[in-house]
Amino acid sequence: MKADIHPNYRDVVFHDVTSDFKMEDGNDYPLVKVEISSASHPFYTGKHKVIDTSGRIDKFQKRYAR
């Protein structure tokens, strides 16, 4: 690899503003605010639901039934 072409990496703290979750370990790091994270995303929290509005799946299956 070429030298001096990569950015400098450093640790940051992510703050989820929707669930007010903030990972801390006692040190000072730059703060990055995010809208959604694994602490508030429905898929990761187990609140993920599939909602069939107005029977769209049933309509599709009836239309293309063999």
N, C-alpha and C. Protein backbone atom coordinates (compact mmCIF):
# COMPACT_ATOMS: atom_id res chain seq x y z
N MET A 1 0.83 -1.19 0.00
CA MET A 1 0.00 0.00 0.00
C MET A 1 0.87 1.24 0.00
N LYS A 2 0.33 2.28 -0.57
CA LYS A 2 1.05 3.54 -0.59
C LYS A 2 1.00 4.20 0.79
N ALA A 3 2.07 4.87 1.13
CA ALA A 3 2.13 5.55 2.42
C ALA A 3 1.48 6.92 2.32
N ASP A 4 0.91 7.38 3.41
CA ASP A 4 0.35 8.73 3.56
C ASP A 4 -0.83 9.04 2.63
N ILE A 5 -1.60 8.05 2.20
CA ILE A 5 -2.79 8.33 1.39
C ILE A 5 -4.07 8.03 2.15
N HIS A 6 -3.97 7.41 3.31
CA HIS A 6 -5.14 7.03 4.07
C HIS A 6 -5.47 8.10 5.11
N PRO A 7 -6.75 8.29 5.42
CA PRO A 7 -7.11 9.30 6.43
C PRO A 7 -6.71 8.85 7.82
N ASN A 8 -6.62 9.81 8.71
CA ASN A 8 -6.34 9.49 10.11
C ASN A 8 -7.63 9.01 10.76
N TYR A 9 -7.59 7.85 11.38
CA TYR A 9 -8.76 7.29 12.04
C TYR A 9 -8.67 7.59 13.52
N ARG A 10 -9.84 7.85 14.13
CA ARG A 10 -9.89 8.05 15.57
C ARG A 10 -11.24 7.59 16.08
N ASP A 11 -11.32 7.37 17.37
CA ASP A 11 -12.55 6.91 18.00
C ASP A 11 -13.54 8.06 18.12
N VAL A 12 -14.84 7.73 18.01
CA VAL A 12 -15.91 8.71 18.17
C VAL A 12 -17.01 8.08 19.03
N VAL A 13 -17.90 8.91 19.53
CA VAL A 13 -19.06 8.46 20.28
C VAL A 13 -20.29 8.76 19.44
N PHE A 14 -21.16 7.76 19.25
CA PHE A 14 -22.40 7.94 18.51
C PHE A 14 -23.54 8.15 19.50
N HIS A 15 -24.33 9.19 19.25
CA HIS A 15 -25.47 9.52 20.10
C HIS A 15 -26.74 9.38 19.27
N ASP A 16 -27.59 8.41 19.63
CA ASP A 16 -28.87 8.20 18.95
C ASP A 16 -29.87 9.19 19.53
N VAL A 17 -30.28 10.18 18.73
CA VAL A 17 -31.15 11.24 19.24
C VAL A 17 -32.59 10.79 19.42
N THR A 18 -33.02 9.71 18.77
CA THR A 18 -34.41 9.26 18.92
C THR A 18 -34.63 8.48 20.20
N SER A 19 -33.65 7.69 20.62
CA SER A 19 -33.82 6.91 21.84
C SER A 19 -32.97 7.44 22.98
N ASP A 20 -32.22 8.50 22.75
CA ASP A 20 -31.34 9.11 23.74
C ASP A 20 -30.31 8.11 24.26
N PHE A 21 -29.85 7.20 23.40
CA PHE A 21 -28.82 6.23 23.76
C PHE A 21 -27.46 6.80 23.39
N LYS A 22 -26.52 6.72 24.32
CA LYS A 22 -25.18 7.24 24.08
C LYS A 22 -24.17 6.30 24.71
N MET A 23 -23.28 5.77 23.89
CA MET A 23 -22.26 4.85 24.38
C MET A 23 -21.10 5.66 24.95
N GLU A 24 -20.75 5.39 26.18
CA GLU A 24 -19.65 6.10 26.82
C GLU A 24 -18.75 5.11 27.53
N ASP A 25 -17.47 5.46 27.59
CA ASP A 25 -16.54 4.64 28.37
C ASP A 25 -15.69 5.49 29.32
N GLY A 26 -16.08 6.76 29.50
CA GLY A 26 -15.38 7.61 30.44
C GLY A 26 -14.34 8.52 29.81
N ASN A 27 -13.99 8.29 28.56
CA ASN A 27 -13.01 9.13 27.88
C ASN A 27 -13.72 10.19 27.04
N ASP A 28 -12.99 11.22 26.65
CA ASP A 28 -13.55 12.27 25.80
C ASP A 28 -13.28 11.96 24.34
N TYR A 29 -14.37 11.87 23.55
CA TYR A 29 -14.27 11.61 22.12
C TYR A 29 -15.16 12.60 21.38
N PRO A 30 -14.94 12.79 20.09
CA PRO A 30 -15.87 13.62 19.30
C PRO A 30 -17.25 12.96 19.26
N LEU A 31 -18.29 13.80 19.29
CA LEU A 31 -19.67 13.31 19.32
C LEU A 31 -20.27 13.37 17.93
N VAL A 32 -20.90 12.25 17.50
CA VAL A 32 -21.60 12.17 16.23
C VAL A 32 -23.04 11.83 16.52
N LYS A 33 -23.97 12.73 16.16
CA LYS A 33 -25.39 12.48 16.39
C LYS A 33 -25.99 11.78 15.18
N VAL A 34 -26.74 10.70 15.44
CA VAL A 34 -27.38 9.93 14.37
C VAL A 34 -28.87 9.86 14.65
N GLU A 35 -29.66 9.75 13.58
CA GLU A 35 -31.12 9.68 13.70
C GLU A 35 -31.59 8.31 14.17
N ILE A 36 -30.91 7.26 13.73
CA ILE A 36 -31.35 5.90 14.07
C ILE A 36 -30.12 5.02 14.22
N SER A 37 -30.19 4.11 15.16
CA SER A 37 -29.09 3.17 15.40
C SER A 37 -29.69 1.83 15.81
N SER A 38 -28.83 0.90 16.18
CA SER A 38 -29.33 -0.41 16.60
C SER A 38 -30.13 -0.31 17.89
N ALA A 39 -29.97 0.77 18.65
CA ALA A 39 -30.72 0.95 19.88
C ALA A 39 -32.17 1.36 19.62
N SER A 40 -32.46 1.93 18.45
CA SER A 40 -33.82 2.38 18.18
C SER A 40 -34.43 1.81 16.91
N HIS A 41 -33.66 1.09 16.10
CA HIS A 41 -34.19 0.54 14.85
C HIS A 41 -35.13 -0.63 15.15
N PRO A 42 -36.33 -0.66 14.55
CA PRO A 42 -37.29 -1.72 14.85
C PRO A 42 -36.77 -3.13 14.58
N PHE A 43 -35.94 -3.30 13.57
CA PHE A 43 -35.43 -4.64 13.26
C PHE A 43 -34.55 -5.16 14.39
N TYR A 44 -33.71 -4.32 14.95
CA TYR A 44 -32.78 -4.75 15.99
C TYR A 44 -33.41 -4.78 17.38
N THR A 45 -34.47 -4.01 17.60
CA THR A 45 -35.11 -4.00 18.90
C THR A 45 -36.18 -5.08 19.03
N GLY A 46 -36.51 -5.76 17.93
CA GLY A 46 -37.51 -6.82 17.96
C GLY A 46 -38.92 -6.31 17.79
N LYS A 47 -39.10 -5.05 17.45
CA LYS A 47 -40.42 -4.48 17.27
C LYS A 47 -40.81 -4.40 15.80
N HIS A 48 -40.05 -5.09 14.95
CA HIS A 48 -40.30 -5.07 13.50
C HIS A 48 -41.56 -5.86 13.18
N LYS A 49 -42.49 -5.22 12.50
CA LYS A 49 -43.74 -5.87 12.13
C LYS A 49 -44.01 -5.63 10.65
N VAL A 50 -44.56 -6.63 9.99
CA VAL A 50 -44.98 -6.48 8.60
C VAL A 50 -46.46 -6.15 8.62
N ILE A 51 -46.81 -5.02 8.06
CA ILE A 51 -48.20 -4.57 8.07
C ILE A 51 -48.75 -4.67 6.66
N ASP A 52 -49.81 -5.43 6.49
CA ASP A 52 -50.48 -5.57 5.20
C ASP A 52 -51.61 -4.57 5.16
N THR A 53 -51.38 -3.45 4.51
CA THR A 53 -52.42 -2.42 4.46
C THR A 53 -53.39 -2.73 3.33
N SER A 54 -54.64 -2.75 3.67
CA SER A 54 -55.78 -2.96 2.76
C SER A 54 -55.68 -4.26 1.97
N GLY A 55 -55.08 -5.30 2.52
CA GLY A 55 -55.06 -6.61 1.88
C GLY A 55 -54.31 -6.67 0.57
N ARG A 56 -53.23 -5.94 0.44
CA ARG A 56 -52.49 -5.92 -0.82
C ARG A 56 -51.93 -7.29 -1.17
N ILE A 57 -51.51 -8.05 -0.18
CA ILE A 57 -50.96 -9.39 -0.46
C ILE A 57 -52.07 -10.31 -0.98
N ASP A 58 -53.24 -10.23 -0.34
CA ASP A 58 -54.37 -11.06 -0.80
C ASP A 58 -54.80 -10.69 -2.21
N LYS A 59 -54.85 -9.40 -2.51
CA LYS A 59 -55.20 -8.96 -3.86
C LYS A 59 -54.21 -9.49 -4.89
N PHE A 60 -52.94 -9.43 -4.55
CA PHE A 60 -51.90 -9.92 -5.46
C PHE A 60 -52.04 -11.42 -5.68
N GLN A 61 -52.26 -12.18 -4.61
CA GLN A 61 -52.36 -13.62 -4.74
C GLN A 61 -53.62 -14.03 -5.53
N LYS A 62 -54.73 -13.31 -5.36
CA LYS A 62 -55.93 -13.61 -6.12
C LYS A 62 -55.74 -13.29 -7.59
N ARG A 63 -55.08 -12.20 -7.88
CA ARG A 63 -54.88 -11.78 -9.27
C ARG A 63 -54.00 -12.75 -10.02
N TYR A 64 -52.95 -13.24 -9.39
CA TYR A 64 -51.99 -14.09 -10.07
C TYR A 64 -52.06 -15.55 -9.66
N ALA A 65 -53.19 -15.96 -9.10
CA ALA A 65 -53.39 -17.36 -8.71
C ALA A 65 -53.54 -18.21 -9.96
N ARG A 66 -53.05 -19.41 -9.91
CA ARG A 66 -53.13 -20.32 -11.07
C ARG A 66 -54.13 -21.41 -10.78
